[in-house]
Protein backbone atom coordinates (compact mmCIF):
# COMPACT_ATOMS: atom_id res chain seq x y z
CA MET A 1 -26.53 13.84 83.12
CA ARG A 2 -29.23 15.35 80.70
CA HIS A 3 -27.43 17.53 77.57
CA ASP A 4 -28.70 21.09 78.01
CA GLN A 5 -29.75 21.28 74.12
CA SER A 6 -31.49 24.91 75.01
CA ALA A 7 -27.74 26.10 75.69
CA ASP A 8 -26.60 24.73 72.50
CA ARG A 9 -29.11 26.96 70.74
CA ARG A 10 -27.97 30.10 72.91
CA PHE A 11 -24.46 29.49 71.56
CA ALA A 12 -25.34 28.94 68.13
CA GLU A 13 -27.62 32.11 68.79
CA GLU A 14 -25.78 34.62 70.36
CA VAL A 15 -22.07 33.85 69.74
CA LEU A 16 -21.74 31.74 66.72
CA ALA A 17 -24.62 33.40 64.03
CA SER A 18 -22.31 36.64 64.48
CA MET A 19 -19.06 34.44 63.64
CA ARG A 20 -17.42 33.69 59.81
CA LEU A 21 -16.62 30.48 59.50
CA ASP A 22 -15.53 30.87 55.87
CA ASP A 23 -12.14 29.41 56.59
CA ALA A 24 -13.37 26.36 59.18
CA GLU A 25 -14.43 22.94 58.72
CA VAL A 26 -17.87 22.23 60.47
CA TRP A 27 -18.67 18.77 61.11
CA LEU A 28 -21.92 17.75 62.09
CA SER A 29 -23.05 14.59 62.93
CA ARG A 30 -26.29 14.64 65.33
CA PRO A 31 -30.12 15.65 64.10
CA GLU A 32 -29.82 19.02 66.60
CA HIS A 33 -26.53 19.78 64.58
CA LEU A 34 -29.19 19.95 61.40
CA ARG A 35 -31.53 21.60 63.52
CA HIS A 36 -29.15 24.75 64.62
CA LEU A 37 -27.23 24.81 61.40
CA PRO A 38 -29.78 28.05 60.10
CA ASP A 39 -28.28 29.52 62.76
CA LEU A 40 -24.70 29.78 61.97
CA GLY A 41 -23.32 32.69 60.06
CA PRO A 42 -21.40 32.20 56.65
CA ILE A 43 -19.56 28.55 56.47
CA ALA A 44 -17.04 27.53 53.38
CA SER A 45 -17.00 23.96 54.18
CA LEU A 46 -19.91 21.87 55.75
CA GLN A 47 -19.14 18.08 56.68
CA PHE A 48 -22.20 15.86 57.59
CA SER A 49 -21.82 12.05 59.21
CA GLY A 50 -25.15 10.17 59.70
CA ASP A 51 -27.96 9.06 58.03
CA TYR A 52 -30.01 11.91 56.60
CA SER A 53 -32.25 11.51 53.31
CA GLY A 54 -31.29 13.85 50.84
CA GLU A 55 -34.11 16.00 51.52
CA GLU A 56 -33.17 16.28 55.01
CA LEU A 57 -29.68 17.37 53.65
CA GLY A 58 -31.44 19.71 50.89
CA ALA A 59 -33.10 21.61 54.16
CA ALA A 60 -30.04 22.01 56.15
CA LEU A 61 -28.41 23.93 53.39
CA ASP A 62 -31.13 26.06 52.13
CA LYS A 63 -29.98 29.15 51.21
CA ARG A 64 -26.31 28.26 52.01
CA VAL A 65 -23.60 29.06 49.98
CA LEU A 66 -20.69 26.59 50.44
CA ARG A 67 -17.48 25.49 48.10
CA GLU A 68 -17.02 22.23 50.15
CA LEU A 69 -18.82 19.42 51.35
CA LEU A 70 -18.22 16.46 52.41
CA VAL A 71 -21.09 13.52 53.15
CA ALA A 72 -19.96 10.48 54.90
CA ALA A 73 -21.29 7.22 56.97
CA ASN A 74 -24.51 7.64 55.07
CA SER A 75 -26.70 4.61 54.51
CA ARG A 76 -30.03 6.58 53.42
CA LEU A 77 -29.16 8.55 50.58
CA THR A 78 -29.56 7.18 47.40
CA ASP A 79 -28.68 9.90 44.96
CA VAL A 80 -27.49 13.49 44.96
CA GLU A 81 -30.67 15.64 43.83
CA PHE A 82 -30.39 18.11 46.65
CA LEU A 83 -27.29 19.18 45.24
CA ARG A 84 -29.14 20.71 41.79
CA ASP A 85 -29.56 23.88 44.23
CA HIS A 86 -25.88 24.24 45.22
CA PRO A 87 -24.17 24.78 41.80
CA GLU A 88 -21.66 26.94 44.20
CA ILE A 89 -19.85 23.49 45.21
CA ASP A 90 -16.35 22.85 43.78
CA SER A 91 -15.44 20.22 45.74
CA LEU A 92 -17.53 16.88 46.92
CA THR A 93 -16.71 14.19 49.13
CA LEU A 94 -19.00 10.91 49.55
CA SER A 95 -17.66 8.17 51.82
CA VAL A 96 -19.16 5.14 52.98
CA CYS A 97 -22.72 6.36 51.18
CA HIS A 98 -23.36 2.38 50.88
CA SER A 99 -26.93 2.81 48.95
CA LEU A 100 -25.95 5.94 46.36
CA ARG A 101 -26.62 4.76 43.03
CA ASP A 102 -27.92 8.11 41.29
CA MET A 103 -24.94 10.54 40.69
CA SER A 104 -26.37 12.49 37.37
CA ALA A 105 -27.43 15.43 39.90
CA LEU A 106 -23.34 16.03 39.36
CA SER A 107 -23.53 17.81 36.23
CA ALA A 108 -25.27 20.84 37.44
CA LEU A 109 -21.95 21.47 39.87
CA PRO A 110 -18.66 22.89 38.63
CA LEU A 111 -16.46 19.88 40.43
CA THR A 112 -12.58 20.33 40.18
CA ALA A 113 -12.31 17.83 43.28
CA LEU A 114 -14.15 14.48 43.98
CA ASN A 115 -13.77 12.45 46.20
CA LEU A 116 -15.38 9.00 46.10
CA TYR A 117 -14.79 5.81 49.10
CA ALA A 118 -15.89 3.32 50.06
CA HIS A 119 -18.62 3.46 47.96
CA GLU A 120 -21.04 0.48 45.43
CA LEU A 121 -21.85 2.61 42.73
CA PRO A 122 -21.53 0.68 39.62
CA ARG A 123 -19.61 1.54 36.60
CA GLU A 124 -22.55 2.92 33.88
CA ALA A 125 -23.00 5.49 37.59
CA LEU A 126 -19.73 6.49 37.43
CA GLY A 127 -20.21 7.92 33.72
CA ILE A 128 -21.23 11.36 35.27
CA LEU A 129 -17.65 11.42 35.77
CA THR A 130 -16.82 12.24 31.49
CA GLY A 131 -19.27 15.56 32.14
CA LEU A 132 -17.27 17.09 34.73
CA PRO A 133 -15.13 19.15 32.32
CA ARG A 134 -13.95 21.31 35.32
CA LEU A 135 -12.77 17.92 37.01
CA SER A 136 -9.03 17.86 37.98
CA THR A 137 -8.70 15.72 41.67
CA LEU A 138 -10.46 12.14 41.35
CA SER A 139 -10.43 10.19 44.65
CA LEU A 140 -11.24 7.07 43.73
CA ASP A 141 -12.46 3.83 45.11
CA LEU A 142 -11.99 0.89 42.35
CA THR A 143 -13.07 -1.96 44.39
CA PRO A 144 -17.35 -2.23 42.08
CA LEU A 145 -15.37 -2.00 39.16
CA ASP A 146 -12.96 -4.93 40.26
CA GLY A 147 -10.24 -2.55 40.46
CA ARG A 148 -9.75 -1.48 36.95
CA LEU A 149 -10.50 1.87 35.47
CA PRO A 150 -12.76 3.86 34.90
CA GLU A 151 -13.22 6.30 31.46
CA PRO A 152 -9.60 8.18 30.94
CA LEU A 153 -10.76 11.40 31.60
CA GLY A 154 -8.04 13.68 30.21
CA HIS A 155 -8.18 17.15 32.02
CA VAL A 156 -7.84 15.12 35.74
CA THR A 157 -4.23 15.96 36.70
CA GLU A 158 -3.97 14.19 40.11
CA LEU A 159 -5.27 10.87 40.88
CA ASN A 160 -6.03 8.58 43.98
CA LEU A 161 -6.67 5.38 43.65
CA SER A 162 -8.14 2.20 46.48
CA SER A 163 -9.46 -0.99 46.13
CA ARG A 164 -10.38 -1.71 49.81
CA GLY A 165 -7.45 -4.20 49.22
CA ARG A 166 -8.58 -6.28 46.08
CA GLY A 167 -5.44 -4.98 44.04
CA ILE A 168 -5.74 -2.38 41.32
CA HIS A 169 -5.18 -2.82 37.40
CA LEU A 170 -3.54 0.50 35.75
CA GLN A 171 -4.34 -0.89 31.98
CA GLY A 172 -5.81 2.46 29.78
CA ILE A 173 -3.29 4.73 32.57
CA GLY A 174 -2.01 5.97 29.74
CA SER A 175 -4.66 7.61 28.52
CA TRP A 176 -5.11 9.72 30.99
CA THR A 177 -2.62 12.50 29.38
CA SER A 178 -2.77 15.40 31.95
CA LEU A 179 -1.95 13.28 35.00
CA HIS A 180 0.64 15.15 37.56
CA ARG A 181 -0.22 13.24 40.27
CA LEU A 182 -0.98 9.28 40.61
CA PHE A 183 -1.04 7.98 44.81
CA VAL A 184 -2.24 3.88 44.03
CA GLN A 185 -3.07 3.41 47.83
CA ASP A 186 -3.45 -0.78 47.24
CA SER A 187 -1.38 -3.52 45.51
CA TRP A 188 -0.85 -4.30 42.20
CA ALA A 189 -3.40 -6.32 40.59
CA ASP A 190 -1.06 -5.95 36.82
CA LEU A 191 2.37 -5.23 36.46
CA ALA A 192 2.15 -5.01 32.93
CA PRO A 193 0.35 -1.88 32.32
CA LEU A 194 2.80 -0.11 34.97
CA GLY A 195 5.03 0.85 31.81
CA GLN A 196 2.33 3.05 30.03
CA LEU A 197 3.12 5.18 33.08
CA ARG A 198 6.33 5.98 31.43
CA SER A 199 4.47 7.66 28.49
CA LEU A 200 2.17 10.25 30.55
CA PRO A 201 4.22 13.09 29.47
CA HIS A 202 3.50 15.40 32.62
CA LEU A 203 3.92 12.33 35.75
CA THR A 204 6.52 14.15 38.16
CA ASP A 205 4.32 12.84 41.33
CA LEU A 206 4.37 9.10 42.74
CA GLY A 207 2.86 7.63 45.53
CA LEU A 208 2.11 3.98 46.77
CA TRP A 209 2.75 1.41 49.51
CA GLU A 210 6.38 0.81 50.51
CA ASN A 211 5.89 -2.49 49.82
CA THR A 212 4.76 -2.55 46.85
CA LEU A 213 7.78 -2.01 45.76
CA ASP A 214 9.43 -4.73 46.58
CA ASP A 215 7.22 -6.12 43.09
CA LEU A 216 8.55 -3.63 40.73
CA VAL A 217 12.14 -5.10 40.62
CA ASP A 218 11.88 -5.47 36.64
CA VAL A 219 9.75 -2.55 36.11
CA PRO A 220 11.51 0.00 33.53
CA PRO A 221 12.40 2.91 35.70
CA LEU A 222 10.73 5.96 35.44
CA PRO A 223 12.59 9.17 35.45
CA SER A 224 10.08 11.27 35.03
CA ILE A 225 9.10 11.14 38.93
CA ARG A 226 10.51 13.19 40.94
CA THR A 227 9.00 13.08 44.35
CA ALA A 228 7.77 10.04 45.90
CA THR A 229 5.14 9.27 48.75
CA LEU A 230 5.93 6.16 50.80
CA ILE A 231 3.46 4.96 53.16
CA LEU A 232 5.30 2.42 55.22
CA ASN A 233 3.92 -0.70 56.70
CA ARG A 234 7.13 -1.98 57.75
CA PRO A 235 10.28 0.17 58.99
CA ILE A 236 12.60 -0.65 56.40
CA ILE A 237 12.70 1.03 52.56
CA LYS A 238 14.66 -2.38 50.81
CA LEU A 239 14.34 -1.60 47.24
CA PRO A 240 17.18 0.94 45.49
CA VAL A 241 14.94 3.85 44.82
CA GLU A 242 17.61 5.34 42.90
CA ARG A 243 17.01 2.63 40.29
CA LEU A 244 13.64 2.96 39.58
CA PHE A 245 13.27 6.92 40.16
CA PRO A 246 16.66 8.29 39.12
CA GLY A 247 15.12 11.44 38.90
CA LEU A 248 13.68 11.47 42.20
CA ARG A 249 14.40 14.77 44.15
CA GLU A 250 12.08 14.48 47.02
CA VAL A 251 10.49 11.71 49.33
CA PHE A 252 7.89 12.07 51.27
CA VAL A 253 7.88 9.02 53.98
CA TRP A 254 4.74 8.04 56.40
CA ASP A 255 5.53 6.31 59.20
CA GLN A 256 2.43 3.60 59.26
CA THR A 257 4.42 1.00 61.10
CA PHE A 258 3.17 1.84 64.93
CA ARG A 259 6.56 1.01 65.81
CA ALA A 260 8.56 2.10 68.61
CA GLY A 261 12.10 1.17 66.74
CA ALA A 262 14.35 3.46 64.45
CA LEU A 263 12.91 3.21 60.72
CA ASP A 264 15.88 2.42 58.18
CA LEU A 265 15.91 4.45 55.31
CA ARG A 266 19.10 3.74 54.27
CA ALA A 267 18.42 2.98 50.73
CA LEU A 268 17.69 6.59 50.37
CA HIS A 269 21.26 7.38 50.70
CA SER A 270 22.36 6.83 47.88
CA LEU A 271 20.65 9.72 46.19
CA PRO A 272 22.86 12.78 47.99
CA ASP A 273 20.90 15.68 46.55
CA LEU A 274 17.25 14.16 48.06
CA GLN A 275 15.11 15.31 50.89
CA VAL A 276 13.40 13.44 52.57
CA THR A 277 10.61 14.22 55.35
CA VAL A 278 9.49 11.47 57.20
CA HIS A 279 5.88 12.47 59.11
CA GLY A 280 4.55 9.82 62.56
CA ILE A 281 1.76 9.72 64.09
CA ALA A 282 1.87 11.05 67.87
CA THR A 283 5.35 10.34 68.78
CA PRO A 284 8.59 11.59 66.06
CA PRO A 285 9.70 9.36 64.59
CA ARG A 286 13.26 7.61 64.77
CA VAL A 287 15.48 7.21 61.70
CA MET A 288 18.31 4.77 61.83
CA ASP A 289 21.92 6.87 61.17
CA ALA A 290 19.62 10.13 60.54
CA ASP A 291 23.15 12.35 60.47
CA ARG A 292 23.81 10.61 56.75
CA PHE A 293 21.07 13.06 55.42
CA GLY A 294 22.36 16.07 57.29
CA ASP A 295 20.46 18.99 57.04
CA ARG A 296 18.04 16.98 53.95
CA LEU A 297 16.27 15.42 56.08
CA ILE A 298 12.90 16.72 58.14
CA VAL A 299 11.06 14.72 60.83
CA ARG A 300 7.61 15.80 61.32
CA PHE A 301 4.43 14.25 63.39
CA THR A 302 0.86 14.45 64.31
CA ASN A 303 -0.06 14.82 67.86
CA LEU A 304 -3.41 13.04 68.43
CA ALA A 305 -3.76 14.06 72.00
């Protein structure tokens, strides 16, 4: 059946143009979406997916005022010069843009949040990060940096790290002195720098894959951690969490096991005041001996249907 593009335009002109979409995320993934974009009303958050040049993105965004922008799965984009016309953007995500090499235009933005996923940016291109004084949240794929940290950013309070399975080096993490939250979404390449976490004066929130806890048996306790996020890729937490995090008050468990059996979270029973929230996908996860947690256990799930 042939798609009626004229119906799309009528809907954009007659319905969407009169709507305010300030609190919605608008996803654009086809060339005709870009053509219809001028027909839409105010939009605060836009997401582009596909191979569009910087010139095409700039034309699509002409005269628009945005707060958040995501560009994903784009193999044509080599720079972000089109962003110089949008100094109002404070949150930017660039994901799977493998041709991107020049980030210098970011200096024109008052960014508070920057997410760089699955990129191939060289270390010198990431030097722009030191010129973003308002940046507080940074998510960074460290693969092109061999899993190593960029230059310390003393103003960043939330740091999310990944390295596509190659391991993460935390050497120098002690210089990220404003960190409140650290999320390590990979294995440890070197355990020695973990001791530097104890010197971070504001670090209270730590996230990691649960199975990487096995490597932390001999790591000194981190008493400042109050909140932990654990991603489960096996149905059991093995390490006594209270030894590593004696000050723990809250745990968020994300069930990524995709198994039908119950999760074994009995390692958390020994912390009597611990609040536990378990997130599942598609179906509510089951928890072994759930009654031991009493009303301290919350189970949630994301329905993908």
